[in-house]
PDB file of N, CA and C in Angstrom:
ATOM      1  N   MET A   1     130.729-140.348 181.237  1.00  0.00           N
ATOM      2  CA  MET A   1     131.672-139.238 181.306  1.00  0.00           C
ATOM      3  C   MET A   1     132.623-139.306 180.121  1.00  0.00           C
ATOM      4  N   TRP A   2     132.980-138.158 179.603  1.00  0.00           N
ATOM      5  CA  TRP A   2     133.918-138.106 178.473  1.00  0.00           C
ATOM      6  C   TRP A   2     135.301-138.533 178.946  1.00  0.00           C
ATOM      7  N   PRO A   3     136.038-139.239 178.113  1.00  0.00           N
ATOM      8  CA  PRO A   3     137.430-139.508 178.480  1.00  0.00           C
ATOM      9  C   PRO A   3     138.209-138.195 178.439  1.00  0.00           C
ATOM     10  N   ARG A   4     139.310-138.183 179.140  1.00  0.00           N
ATOM     11  CA  ARG A   4     140.108-136.945 179.158  1.00  0.00           C
ATOM     12  C   ARG A   4     140.578-136.639 177.743  1.00  0.00           C
ATOM     13  N   ILE A   5     140.234-135.475 177.267  1.00  0.00           N
ATOM     14  CA  ILE A   5     140.568-135.059 175.911  1.00  0.00           C
ATOM     15  C   ILE A   5     141.539-133.893 176.009  1.00  0.00           C
ATOM     16  N   LYS A   6     142.626-133.987 175.316  1.00  0.00           N
ATOM     17  CA  LYS A   6     143.573-132.874 175.268  1.00  0.00           C
ATOM     18  C   LYS A   6     143.221-131.995 174.077  1.00  0.00           C
ATOM     19  N   PHE A   7     142.841-130.764 174.345  1.00  0.00           N
ATOM     20  CA  PHE A   7     142.510-129.828 173.287  1.00  0.00           C
ATOM     21  C   PHE A   7     143.737-128.985 172.988  1.00  0.00           C
ATOM     22  N   LYS A   8     143.975-128.748 171.716  1.00  0.00           N
ATOM     23  CA  LYS A   8     145.084-127.883 171.330  1.00  0.00           C
ATOM     24  C   LYS A   8     144.736-126.451 171.684  1.00  0.00           C
ATOM     25  N   LYS A   9     145.781-125.670 171.901  1.00  0.00           N
ATOM     26  CA  LYS A   9     145.571-124.261 172.199  1.00  0.00           C
ATOM     27  C   LYS A   9     144.922-123.585 171.005  1.00  0.00           C
ATOM     28  N   TYR A  10     143.938-122.755 171.244  1.00  0.00           N
ATOM     29  CA  TYR A  10     143.222-121.974 170.240  1.00  0.00           C
ATOM     30  C   TYR A  10     142.393-122.831 169.287  1.00  0.00           C
ATOM     31  N   ILE A  11     141.983-123.999 169.701  1.00  0.00           N
ATOM     32  CA  ILE A  11     141.117-124.801 168.845  1.00  0.00           C
ATOM     33  C   ILE A  11     139.741-124.144 168.809  1.00  0.00           C
ATOM     34  N   ARG A  12     139.086-124.233 167.693  1.00  0.00           N
ATOM     35  CA  ARG A  12     137.751-123.655 167.554  1.00  0.00           C
ATOM     36  C   ARG A  12     136.723-124.759 167.712  1.00  0.00           C
ATOM     37  N   PHE A  13     135.752-124.500 168.550  1.00  0.00           N
ATOM     38  CA  PHE A  13     134.671-125.447 168.762  1.00  0.00           C
ATOM     39  C   PHE A  13     133.462-125.021 167.946  1.00  0.00           C
ATOM     40  N   THR A  14     132.716-125.986 167.494  1.00  0.00           N
ATOM     41  CA  THR A  14     131.487-125.680 166.778  1.00  0.00           C
ATOM     42  C   THR A  14     130.433-125.234 167.779  1.00  0.00           C
ATOM     43  N   GLN A  15     129.372-124.686 167.266  1.00  0.00           N
ATOM     44  CA  GLN A  15     128.258-124.255 168.100  1.00  0.00           C
ATOM     45  C   GLN A  15     127.713-125.436 168.897  1.00  0.00           C
ATOM     46  N   ASN A  16     127.573-126.564 168.240  1.00  0.00           N
ATOM     47  CA  ASN A  16     127.025-127.747 168.906  1.00  0.00           C
ATOM     48  C   ASN A  16     127.973-128.286 169.972  1.00  0.00           C
ATOM     49  N   GLU A  17     129.273-128.266 169.702  1.00  0.00           N
ATOM     50  CA  GLU A  17     130.242-128.732 170.695  1.00  0.00           C
ATOM     51  C   GLU A  17     130.212-127.856 171.941  1.00  0.00           C
ATOM     52  N   LYS A  18     130.106-126.561 171.754  1.00  0.00           N
ATOM     53  CA  LYS A  18     130.012-125.657 172.901  1.00  0.00           C
ATOM     54  C   LYS A  18     128.761-125.966 173.722  1.00  0.00           C
ATOM     55  N   TYR A  19     127.655-126.174 173.021  1.00  0.00           N
ATOM     56  CA  TYR A  19     126.397-126.483 173.709  1.00  0.00           C
ATOM     57  C   TYR A  19     126.527-127.784 174.500  1.00  0.00           C
ATOM     58  N   GLU A  20     127.120-128.813 173.896  1.00  0.00           N
ATOM     59  CA  GLU A  20     127.294-130.093 174.584  1.00  0.00           C
ATOM     60  C   GLU A  20     128.176-129.952 175.814  1.00  0.00           C
ATOM     61  N   ILE A  21     129.231-129.133 175.727  1.00  0.00           N
ATOM     62  CA  ILE A  21     130.105-128.917 176.873  1.00  0.00           C
ATOM     63  C   ILE A  21     129.364-128.192 177.985  1.00  0.00           C
ATOM     64  N   ILE A  22     128.562-127.205 177.634  1.00  0.00           N
ATOM     65  CA  ILE A  22     127.767-126.489 178.646  1.00  0.00           C
ATOM     66  C   ILE A  22     126.808-127.462 179.334  1.00  0.00           C
ATOM     67  N   GLN A  23     126.129-128.288 178.546  1.00  0.00           N
ATOM     68  CA  GLN A  23     125.200-129.260 179.125  1.00  0.00           C
ATOM     69  C   GLN A  23     125.937-130.252 180.018  1.00  0.00           C
ATOM     70  N   LEU A  24     127.106-130.693 179.583  1.00  0.00           N
ATOM     71  CA  LEU A  24     127.894-131.634 180.356  1.00  0.00           C
ATOM     72  C   LEU A  24     128.301-131.028 181.695  1.00  0.00           C
ATOM     73  N   VAL A  25     128.745-129.788 181.687  1.00  0.00           N
ATOM     74  CA  VAL A  25     129.160-129.126 182.923  1.00  0.00           C
ATOM     75  C   VAL A  25     127.957-128.910 183.839  1.00  0.00           C
ATOM     76  N   GLU A  26     126.820-128.512 183.267  1.00  0.00           N
ATOM     77  CA  GLU A  26     125.617-128.289 184.078  1.00  0.00           C
ATOM     78  C   GLU A  26     125.135-129.582 184.728  1.00  0.00           C
ATOM     79  N   ASP A  27     125.252-130.700 184.021  1.00  0.00           N
ATOM     80  CA  ASP A  27     124.735-131.975 184.527  1.00  0.00           C
ATOM     81  C   ASP A  27     125.757-132.758 185.342  1.00  0.00           C
ATOM     82  N   SER A  28     126.981-132.296 185.381  1.00  0.00           N
ATOM     83  CA  SER A  28     128.043-133.039 186.047  1.00  0.00           C
ATOM     84  C   SER A  28     127.895-132.976 187.560  1.00  0.00           C
ATOM     85  N   GLU A  29     128.223-134.070 188.212  1.00  0.00           N
ATOM     86  CA  GLU A  29     128.221-134.117 189.673  1.00  0.00           C
ATOM     87  C   GLU A  29     129.569-133.706 190.245  1.00  0.00           C
ATOM     88  N   LEU A  30     130.549-133.513 189.383  1.00  0.00           N
ATOM     89  CA  LEU A  30     131.909-133.193 189.838  1.00  0.00           C
ATOM     90  C   LEU A  30     132.096-131.724 190.193  1.00  0.00           C
ATOM     91  N   GLY A  31     131.270-130.862 189.691  1.00  0.00           N
ATOM     92  CA  GLY A  31     131.441-129.427 189.885  1.00  0.00           C
ATOM     93  C   GLY A  31     132.110-128.819 188.671  1.00  0.00           C
ATOM     94  N   VAL A  32     131.970-127.523 188.550  1.00  0.00           N
ATOM     95  CA  VAL A  32     132.446-126.832 187.353  1.00  0.00           C
ATOM     96  C   VAL A  32     133.963-126.947 187.192  1.00  0.00           C
ATOM     97  N   ASN A  33     134.709-126.612 188.238  1.00  0.00           N
ATOM     98  CA  ASN A  33     136.172-126.605 188.122  1.00  0.00           C
ATOM     99  C   ASN A  33     136.724-127.973 187.758  1.00  0.00           C
ATOM    100  N   ARG A  34     136.260-128.988 188.417  1.00  0.00           N
ATOM    101  CA  ARG A  34     136.796-130.329 188.163  1.00  0.00           C
ATOM    102  C   ARG A  34     136.385-130.834 186.781  1.00  0.00           C
ATOM    103  N   THR A  35     135.146-130.570 186.388  1.00  0.00           N
ATOM    104  CA  THR A  35     134.686-131.007 185.064  1.00  0.00           C
ATOM    105  C   THR A  35     135.484-130.318 183.971  1.00  0.00           C
ATOM    106  N   LEU A  36     135.672-128.996 184.099  1.00  0.00           N
ATOM    107  CA  LEU A  36     136.457-128.274 183.099  1.00  0.00           C
ATOM    108  C   LEU A  36     137.905-128.748 183.103  1.00  0.00           C
ATOM    109  N   GLY A  37     138.430-129.081 184.267  1.00  0.00           N
ATOM    110  CA  GLY A  37     139.779-129.632 184.353  1.00  0.00           C
ATOM    111  C   GLY A  37     139.881-130.958 183.631  1.00  0.00           C
ATOM    112  N   GLU A  38     138.879-131.805 183.780  1.00  0.00           N
ATOM    113  CA  GLU A  38     138.861-133.101 183.080  1.00  0.00           C
ATOM    114  C   GLU A  38     138.786-132.908 181.568  1.00  0.00           C
ATOM    115  N   LEU A  39     138.069-131.887 181.138  1.00  0.00           N
ATOM    116  CA  LEU A  39     137.936-131.613 179.706  1.00  0.00           C
ATOM    117  C   LEU A  39     139.094-130.774 179.174  1.00  0.00           C
ATOM    118  N   ASP A  40     139.902-130.242 180.092  1.00  0.00           N
ATOM    119  CA  ASP A  40     141.031-129.376 179.742  1.00  0.00           C
ATOM    120  C   ASP A  40     140.563-128.136 178.979  1.00  0.00           C
ATOM    121  N   ILE A  41     139.481-127.540 179.495  1.00  0.00           N
ATOM    122  CA  ILE A  41     138.948-126.307 178.919  1.00  0.00           C
ATOM    123  C   ILE A  41     139.109-125.207 179.964  1.00  0.00           C
ATOM    124  N   PRO A  42     139.724-124.096 179.593  1.00  0.00           N
ATOM    125  CA  PRO A  42     139.899-122.999 180.553  1.00  0.00           C
ATOM    126  C   PRO A  42     138.555-122.461 181.050  1.00  0.00           C
ATOM    127  N   LYS A  43     138.532-122.115 182.354  1.00  0.00           N
ATOM    128  CA  LYS A  43     137.287-121.588 182.933  1.00  0.00           C
ATOM    129  C   LYS A  43     136.832-120.330 182.210  1.00  0.00           C
ATOM    130  N   ARG A  44     137.762-119.476 181.849  1.00  0.00           N
ATOM    131  CA  ARG A  44     137.411-118.226 181.174  1.00  0.00           C
ATOM    132  C   ARG A  44     136.699-118.505 179.859  1.00  0.00           C
ATOM    133  N   THR A  45     137.196-119.477 179.122  1.00  0.00           N
ATOM    134  CA  THR A  45     136.569-119.852 177.850  1.00  0.00           C
ATOM    135  C   THR A  45     135.158-120.352 178.099  1.00  0.00           C
ATOM    136  N   PHE A  46     135.013-121.235 179.083  1.00  0.00           N
ATOM    137  CA  PHE A  46     133.694-121.780 179.385  1.00  0.00           C
ATOM    138  C   PHE A  46     132.722-120.673 179.786  1.00  0.00           C
ATOM    139  N   TYR A  47     133.162-119.794 180.661  1.00  0.00           N
ATOM    140  CA  TYR A  47     132.241-118.750 181.130  1.00  0.00           C
ATOM    141  C   TYR A  47     131.927-117.723 180.040  1.00  0.00           C
ATOM    142  N   ASN A  48     132.846-117.524 179.084  1.00  0.00           N
ATOM    143  CA  ASN A  48     132.507-116.699 177.916  1.00  0.00           C
ATOM    144  C   ASN A  48     131.367-117.352 177.140  1.00  0.00           C
ATOM    145  N   TRP A  49     131.494-118.651 176.890  1.00  0.00           N
ATOM    146  CA  TRP A  49     130.431-119.385 176.181  1.00  0.00           C
ATOM    147  C   TRP A  49     129.132-119.360 176.973  1.00  0.00           C
ATOM    148  N   TYR A  50     129.252-119.588 178.275  1.00  0.00           N
ATOM    149  CA  TYR A  50     128.057-119.675 179.117  1.00  0.00           C
ATOM    150  C   TYR A  50     127.315-118.336 179.162  1.00  0.00           C
ATOM    151  N   GLY A  51     128.080-117.235 179.193  1.00  0.00           N
ATOM    152  CA  GLY A  51     127.459-115.907 179.185  1.00  0.00           C
ATOM    153  C   GLY A  51     126.708-115.651 177.886  1.00  0.00           C
ATOM    154  N   LYS A  52     127.317-116.036 176.767  1.00  0.00           N
ATOM    155  CA  LYS A  52     126.647-115.870 175.477  1.00  0.00           C
ATOM    156  C   LYS A  52     125.413-116.763 175.386  1.00  0.00           C
ATOM    157  N   TYR A  53     125.530-117.967 175.926  1.00  0.00           N
ATOM    158  CA  TYR A  53     124.406-118.912 175.912  1.00  0.00           C
ATOM    159  C   TYR A  53     123.264-118.388 176.794  1.00  0.00           C
ATOM    160  N   SER A  54     123.611-117.859 177.956  1.00  0.00           N
ATOM    161  CA  SER A  54     122.588-117.326 178.871  1.00  0.00           C
ATOM    162  C   SER A  54     121.866-116.127 178.267  1.00  0.00           C
ATOM    163  N   LYS A  55     122.606-115.292 177.566  1.00  0.00           N
ATOM    164  CA  LYS A  55     122.030-114.067 177.022  1.00  0.00           C
ATOM    165  C   LYS A  55     121.278-114.294 175.714  1.00  0.00           C
ATOM    166  N   HIS A  56     121.852-115.133 174.824  1.00  0.00           N
ATOM    167  CA  HIS A  56     121.291-115.272 173.478  1.00  0.00           C
ATOM    168  C   HIS A  56     120.809-116.681 173.143  1.00  0.00           C
ATOM    169  N   GLY A  57     120.923-117.607 174.098  1.00  0.00           N
ATOM    170  CA  GLY A  57     120.511-118.979 173.821  1.00  0.00           C
ATOM    171  C   GLY A  57     121.503-119.695 172.917  1.00  0.00           C
ATOM    172  N   TYR A  58     121.048-120.749 172.283  1.00  0.00           N
ATOM    173  CA  TYR A  58     121.896-121.582 171.424  1.00  0.00           C
ATOM    174  C   TYR A  58     122.541-120.757 170.307  1.00  0.00           C
ATOM    175  N   ASP A  59     121.809-119.790 169.762  1.00  0.00           N
ATOM    176  CA  ASP A  59     122.341-118.962 168.677  1.00  0.00           C
ATOM    177  C   ASP A  59     123.548-118.129 169.115  1.00  0.00           C
ATOM    178  N   GLY A  60     123.633-117.822 170.401  1.00  0.00           N
ATOM    179  CA  GLY A  60     124.765-117.053 170.905  1.00  0.00           C
ATOM    180  C   GLY A  60     126.085-117.798 170.843  1.00  0.00           C
ATOM    181  N   LEU A  61     126.018-119.116 170.679  1.00  0.00           N
ATOM    182  CA  LEU A  61     127.229-119.933 170.618  1.00  0.00           C
ATOM    183  C   LEU A  61     127.806-120.039 169.211  1.00  0.00           C
ATOM    184  N   ALA A  62     127.072-119.520 168.239  1.00  0.00           N
ATOM    185  CA  ALA A  62     127.537-119.585 166.848  1.00  0.00           C
ATOM    186  C   ALA A  62     128.781-118.725 166.693  1.00  0.00           C
ATOM    187  N   PRO A  63     129.733-119.172 165.881  1.00  0.00           N
ATOM    188  CA  PRO A  63     130.933-118.349 165.674  1.00  0.00           C
ATOM    189  C   PRO A  63     130.590-117.068 164.932  1.00  0.00           C
ATOM    190  N   LYS A  64     131.304-116.013 165.268  1.00  0.00           N
ATOM    191  CA  LYS A  64     131.088-114.737 164.592  1.00  0.00           C
ATOM    192  C   LYS A  64     131.699-114.802 163.206  1.00  0.00           C
ATOM    193  N   LYS A  65     131.093-114.083 162.297  1.00  0.00           N
ATOM    194  CA  LYS A  65     131.635-114.002 160.941  1.00  0.00           C
ATOM    195  C   LYS A  65     132.910-113.174 160.994  1.00  0.00           C
ATOM    196  N   ARG A  66     133.938-113.683 160.364  1.00  0.00           N
ATOM    197  CA  ARG A  66     135.205-112.972 160.326  1.00  0.00           C
ATOM    198  C   ARG A  66     135.281-112.139 159.058  1.00  0.00           C
ATOM    199  N   THR A  67     135.841-110.971 159.197  1.00  0.00           N
ATOM    200  CA  THR A  67     136.055-110.139 158.017  1.00  0.00           C
ATOM    201  C   THR A  67     137.500-110.339 157.589  1.00  0.00           C
ATOM    202  N   THR A  68     137.681-111.061 156.508  1.00  0.00           N
ATOM    203  CA  THR A  68     139.024-111.409 156.076  1.00  0.00           C
ATOM    204  C   THR A  68     139.674-110.325 155.231  1.00  0.00           C
ATOM    205  N   ASN A  69     138.880-109.451 154.650  1.00  0.00           N
ATOM    206  CA  ASN A  69     139.459-108.465 153.748  1.00  0.00           C
ATOM    207  C   ASN A  69     139.665-107.093 154.387  1.00  0.00           C
ATOM    208  N   SER A  70     139.440-106.963 155.671  1.00  0.00           N
ATOM    209  CA  SER A  70     139.636-105.655 156.294  1.00  0.00           C
ATOM    210  C   SER A  70     141.036-105.575 156.897  1.00  0.00           C
ATOM    211  N   GLN A  71     141.609-104.401 156.841  1.00  0.00           N
ATOM    212  CA  GLN A  71     142.925-104.155 157.405  1.00  0.00           C
ATOM    213  C   GLN A  71     142.816-102.992 158.362  1.00  0.00           C
ATOM    214  N   TRP A  72     143.486-103.091 159.468  1.00  0.00           N
ATOM    215  CA  TRP A  72     143.379-102.047 160.481  1.00  0.00           C
ATOM    216  C   TRP A  72     143.975-100.734 159.993  1.00  0.00           C
ATOM    217  N   ASN A  73     144.920-100.794 159.073  1.00  0.00           N
ATOM    218  CA  ASN A  73     145.593 -99.568 158.657  1.00  0.00           C
ATOM    219  C   ASN A  73     145.238 -99.155 157.230  1.00  0.00           C
ATOM    220  N   ARG A  74     144.137 -99.620 156.727  1.00  0.00           N
ATOM    221  CA  ARG A  74     143.732 -99.307 155.359  1.00  0.00           C
ATOM    222  C   ARG A  74     143.279 -97.847 155.272  1.00  0.00           C
ATOM    223  N   ILE A  75     143.758 -97.159 154.272  1.00  0.00           N
ATOM    224  CA  ILE A  75     143.364 -95.764 154.057  1.00  0.00           C
ATOM    225  C   ILE A  75     142.004 -95.765 153.360  1.00  0.00           C
ATOM    226  N   PRO A  76     141.018 -95.040 153.909  1.00  0.00           N
ATOM    227  CA  PRO A  76     139.701 -94.989 153.266  1.00  0.00           C
ATOM    228  C   PRO A  76     139.807 -94.462 151.834  1.00  0.00           C
ATOM    229  N   ASP A  77     138.923 -94.927 150.977  1.00  0.00           N
ATOM    230  CA  ASP A  77     138.967 -94.559 149.555  1.00  0.00           C
ATOM    231  C   ASP A  77     138.935 -93.047 149.349  1.00  0.00           C
ATOM    232  N   LYS A  78     138.107 -92.348 150.112  1.00  0.00           N
ATOM    233  CA  LYS A  78     137.998 -90.888 149.969  1.00  0.00           C
ATOM    234  C   LYS A  78     139.345 -90.220 150.243  1.00  0.00           C
ATOM    235  N   VAL A  79     140.005 -90.645 151.315  1.00  0.00           N
ATOM    236  CA  VAL A  79     141.297 -90.065 151.674  1.00  0.00           C
ATOM    237  C   VAL A  79     142.352 -90.466 150.647  1.00  0.00           C
ATOM    238  N   ARG A  80     142.321 -91.713 150.194  1.00  0.00           N
ATOM    239  CA  ARG A  80     143.282 -92.171 149.184  1.00  0.00           C
ATOM    240  C   ARG A  80     143.166 -91.327 147.919  1.00  0.00           C
ATOM    241  N   ASN A  81     141.935 -91.045 147.510  1.00  0.00           N
ATOM    242  CA  ASN A  81     141.723 -90.215 146.316  1.00  0.00           C
ATOM    243  C   ASN A  81     142.289 -88.805 146.511  1.00  0.00           C
ATOM    244  N   GLU A  82     142.125 -88.257 147.713  1.00  0.00           N
ATOM    245  CA  GLU A  82     142.670 -86.930 148.000  1.00  0.00           C
ATOM    246  C   GLU A  82     144.196 -86.948 147.947  1.00  0.00           C
ATOM    247  N   VAL A  83     144.799 -88.019 148.449  1.00  0.00           N
ATOM    248  CA  VAL A  83     146.261 -88.138 148.412  1.00  0.00           C
ATOM    249  C   VAL A  83     146.741 -88.198 146.970  1.00  0.00           C
ATOM    250  N   VAL A  84     146.063 -89.011 146.152  1.00  0.00           N
ATOM    251  CA  VAL A  84     146.453 -89.140 144.743  1.00  0.00           C
ATOM    252  C   VAL A  84     146.311 -87.801 144.027  1.00  0.00           C
ATOM    253  N   GLU A  85     145.209 -87.094 144.264  1.00  0.00           N
ATOM    254  CA  GLU A  85     145.004 -85.787 143.626  1.00  0.00           C
ATOM    255  C   GLU A  85     146.106 -84.807 144.016  1.00  0.00           C
ATOM    256  N   LEU A  86     146.421 -84.772 145.318  1.00  0.00           N
ATOM    257  CA  LEU A  86     147.468 -83.865 145.783  1.00  0.00           C
ATOM    258  C   LEU A  86     148.822 -84.259 145.192  1.00  0.00           C
ATOM    259  N   ALA A  87     149.092 -85.543 145.120  1.00  0.00           N
ATOM    260  CA  ALA A  87     150.366 -86.015 144.567  1.00  0.00           C
ATOM    261  C   ALA A  87     150.495 -85.646 143.100  1.00  0.00           C
ATOM    262  N   LEU A  88     149.385 -85.683 142.376  1.00  0.00           N
ATOM    263  CA  LEU A  88     149.432 -85.298 140.957  1.00  0.00           C
ATOM    264  C   LEU A  88     149.596 -83.792 140.791  1.00  0.00           C
ATOM    265  N   GLU A  89     148.999 -83.019 141.711  1.00  0.00           N
ATOM    266  CA  GLU A  89     149.102 -81.557 141.635  1.00  0.00           C
ATOM    267  C   GLU A  89     150.522 -81.084 141.915  1.00  0.00           C
ATOM    268  N   VAL A  90     151.154 -81.683 142.926  1.00  0.00           N
ATOM    269  CA  VAL A  90     152.496 -81.265 143.328  1.00  0.00           C
ATOM    270  C   VAL A  90     153.436 -82.471 143.251  1.00  0.00           C
ATOM    271  N   SER A  91     153.718 -82.893 142.039  1.00  0.00           N
ATOM    272  CA  SER A  91     154.504 -84.102 141.825  1.00  0.00           C
ATOM    273  C   SER A  91     155.969 -83.955 142.237  1.00  0.00           C
ATOM    274  N   GLU A  92     156.407 -82.728 142.473  1.00  0.00           N
ATOM    275  CA  GLU A  92     157.802 -82.527 142.865  1.00  0.00           C
ATOM    276  C   GLU A  92     158.055 -82.878 144.336  1.00  0.00           C
ATOM    277  N   LEU A  93     156.977 -83.070 145.116  1.00  0.00           N
ATOM    278  CA  LEU A  93     157.150 -83.386 146.537  1.00  0.00           C
ATOM    279  C   LEU A  93     157.547 -84.846 146.734  1.00  0.00           C
ATOM    280  N   SER A  94     158.378 -85.079 147.746  1.00  0.00           N
ATOM    281  CA  SER A  94     158.733 -86.448 148.123  1.00  0.00           C
ATOM    282  C   SER A  94     157.541 -87.053 148.893  1.00  0.00           C
ATOM    283  N   PRO A  95     157.497 -88.354 149.063  1.00  0.00           N
ATOM    284  CA  PRO A  95     156.404 -88.946 149.834  1.00  0.00           C
ATOM    285  C   PRO A  95     156.294 -88.372 151.250  1.00  0.00           C
ATOM    286  N   ARG A  96     157.436 -88.131 151.856  1.00  0.00           N
ATOM    287  CA  ARG A  96     157.411 -87.561 153.208  1.00  0.00           C
ATOM    288  C   ARG A  96     156.820 -86.149 153.206  1.00  0.00           C
ATOM    289  N   GLU A  97     157.216 -85.347 152.234  1.00  0.00           N
ATOM    290  CA  GLU A  97     156.686 -83.985 152.121  1.00  0.00           C
ATOM    291  C   GLU A  97     155.203 -84.010 151.780  1.00  0.00           C
ATOM    292  N   LEU A  98     154.810 -84.965 150.958  1.00  0.00           N
ATOM    293  CA  LEU A  98     153.399 -85.118 150.611  1.00  0.00           C
ATOM    294  C   LEU A  98     152.573 -85.460 151.855  1.00  0.00           C
ATOM    295  N   ALA A  99     153.076 -86.377 152.674  1.00  0.00           N
ATOM    296  CA  ALA A  99     152.383 -86.747 153.911  1.00  0.00           C
ATOM    297  C   ALA A  99     152.271 -85.542 154.835  1.00  0.00           C
ATOM    298  N   GLN A 100     153.355 -84.740 154.927  1.00  0.00           N
ATOM    299  CA  GLN A 100     153.330 -83.552 155.781  1.00  0.00           C
ATOM    300  C   GLN A 100     152.302 -82.551 155.275  1.00  0.00           C
ATOM    301  N   ARG A 101     152.199 -82.386 153.970  1.00  0.00           N
ATOM    302  CA  ARG A 101     151.228 -81.453 153.405  1.00  0.00           C
ATOM    303  C   ARG A 101     149.801 -81.928 153.712  1.00  0.00           C
ATOM    304  N   MET A 102     149.560 -83.241 153.631  1.00  0.00           N
ATOM    305  CA  MET A 102     148.222 -83.782 153.959  1.00  0.00           C
ATOM    306  C   MET A 102     147.867 -83.470 155.412  1.00  0.00           C
ATOM    307  N   ILE A 103     148.847 -83.571 156.284  1.00  0.00           N
ATOM    308  CA  ILE A 103     148.608 -83.259 157.696  1.00  0.00           C
ATOM    309  C   ILE A 103     148.281 -81.775 157.857  1.00  0.00           C
ATOM    310  N   ASP A 104     149.073 -80.932 157.214  1.00  0.00           N
ATOM    311  CA  ASP A 104     148.886 -79.486 157.346  1.00  0.00           C
ATOM    312  C   ASP A 104     147.570 -79.008 156.743  1.00  0.00           C
ATOM    313  N   GLN A 105     147.230 -79.507 155.553  1.00  0.00           N
ATOM    314  CA  GLN A 105     146.046 -79.019 154.845  1.00  0.00           C
ATOM    315  C   GLN A 105     144.748 -79.672 155.316  1.00  0.00           C
ATOM    316  N   ASN A 106     144.783 -80.968 155.509  1.00  0.00           N
ATOM    317  CA  ASN A 106     143.531 -81.696 155.758  1.00  0.00           C
ATOM    318  C   ASN A 106     143.414 -82.295 157.152  1.00  0.00           C
ATOM    319  N   GLY A 107     144.478 -82.276 157.900  1.00  0.00           N
ATOM    320  CA  GLY A 107     144.429 -82.848 159.239  1.00  0.00           C
ATOM    321  C   GLY A 107     144.517 -84.373 159.251  1.00  0.00           C
ATOM    322  N   TYR A 108     144.845 -84.980 158.122  1.00  0.00           N
ATOM    323  CA  TYR A 108     144.985 -86.434 158.048  1.00  0.00           C
ATOM    324  C   TYR A 108     146.429 -86.804 158.335  1.00  0.00           C
ATOM    325  N   PHE A 109     146.622 -87.785 159.156  1.00  0.00           N
ATOM    326  CA  PHE A 109     147.966 -88.298 159.381  1.00  0.00           C
ATOM    327  C   PHE A 109     148.129 -89.554 158.539  1.00  0.00           C
ATOM    328  N   ILE A 110     149.095 -89.534 157.641  1.00  0.00           N
ATOM    329  CA  ILE A 110     149.374 -90.688 156.797  1.00  0.00           C
ATOM    330  C   ILE A 110     150.831 -91.043 156.998  1.00  0.00           C
ATOM    331  N   TYR A 111     151.061 -92.269 157.441  1.00  0.00           N
ATOM    332  CA  TYR A 111     152.407 -92.729 157.710  1.00  0.00           C
ATOM    333  C   TYR A 111     153.027 -93.248 156.423  1.00  0.00           C
ATOM    334  N   ILE A 112     154.180 -92.755 156.102  1.00  0.00           N
ATOM    335  CA  ILE A 112     154.911 -93.193 154.919  1.00  0.00           C
ATOM    336  C   ILE A 112     156.145 -93.930 155.406  1.00  0.00           C
ATOM    337  N   ASP A 113     156.260 -95.196 155.072  1.00  0.00           N
ATOM    338  CA  ASP A 113     157.403 -95.999 155.481  1.00  0.00           C
ATOM    339  C   ASP A 113     158.363 -96.096 154.319  1.00  0.00           C
ATOM    340  N   ILE A 114     159.448 -95.388 154.407  1.00  0.00           N
ATOM    341  CA  ILE A 114     160.450 -95.382 153.334  1.00  0.00           C
ATOM    342  C   ILE A 114     161.701 -96.024 153.902  1.00  0.00           C
ATOM    343  N   ARG A 115     162.020 -97.169 153.357  1.00  0.00           N
ATOM    344  CA  ARG A 115     163.227 -97.861 153.843  1.00  0.00           C
ATOM    345  C   ARG A 115     164.205 -98.034 152.733  1.00  0.00           C
TER     346      ARG A 115
END
């Protein structure tokens, strides 16, 4: 049996570590709750792993690729180009007025934070 291990909150486990924990819980005589308690792993985390393992096998335990360069509020290039074109056409408009015109003409909502 593994000694009691304290895992930090939000620690990332490797694919192999997840697999070993699943095997340990499956083979344990203590039961799922007690084994997970000894390992200090939340049941929800374990069952998320177990569901992926059941559905996709060992490959389902692999970490997902993270997209580091995406932003939730990024303006698409096409829309950005339209904003720049409009700003050059009517350079006398303030950013707020420019955003309002984009909403009126194109239906795009663009938030302008002016502090």
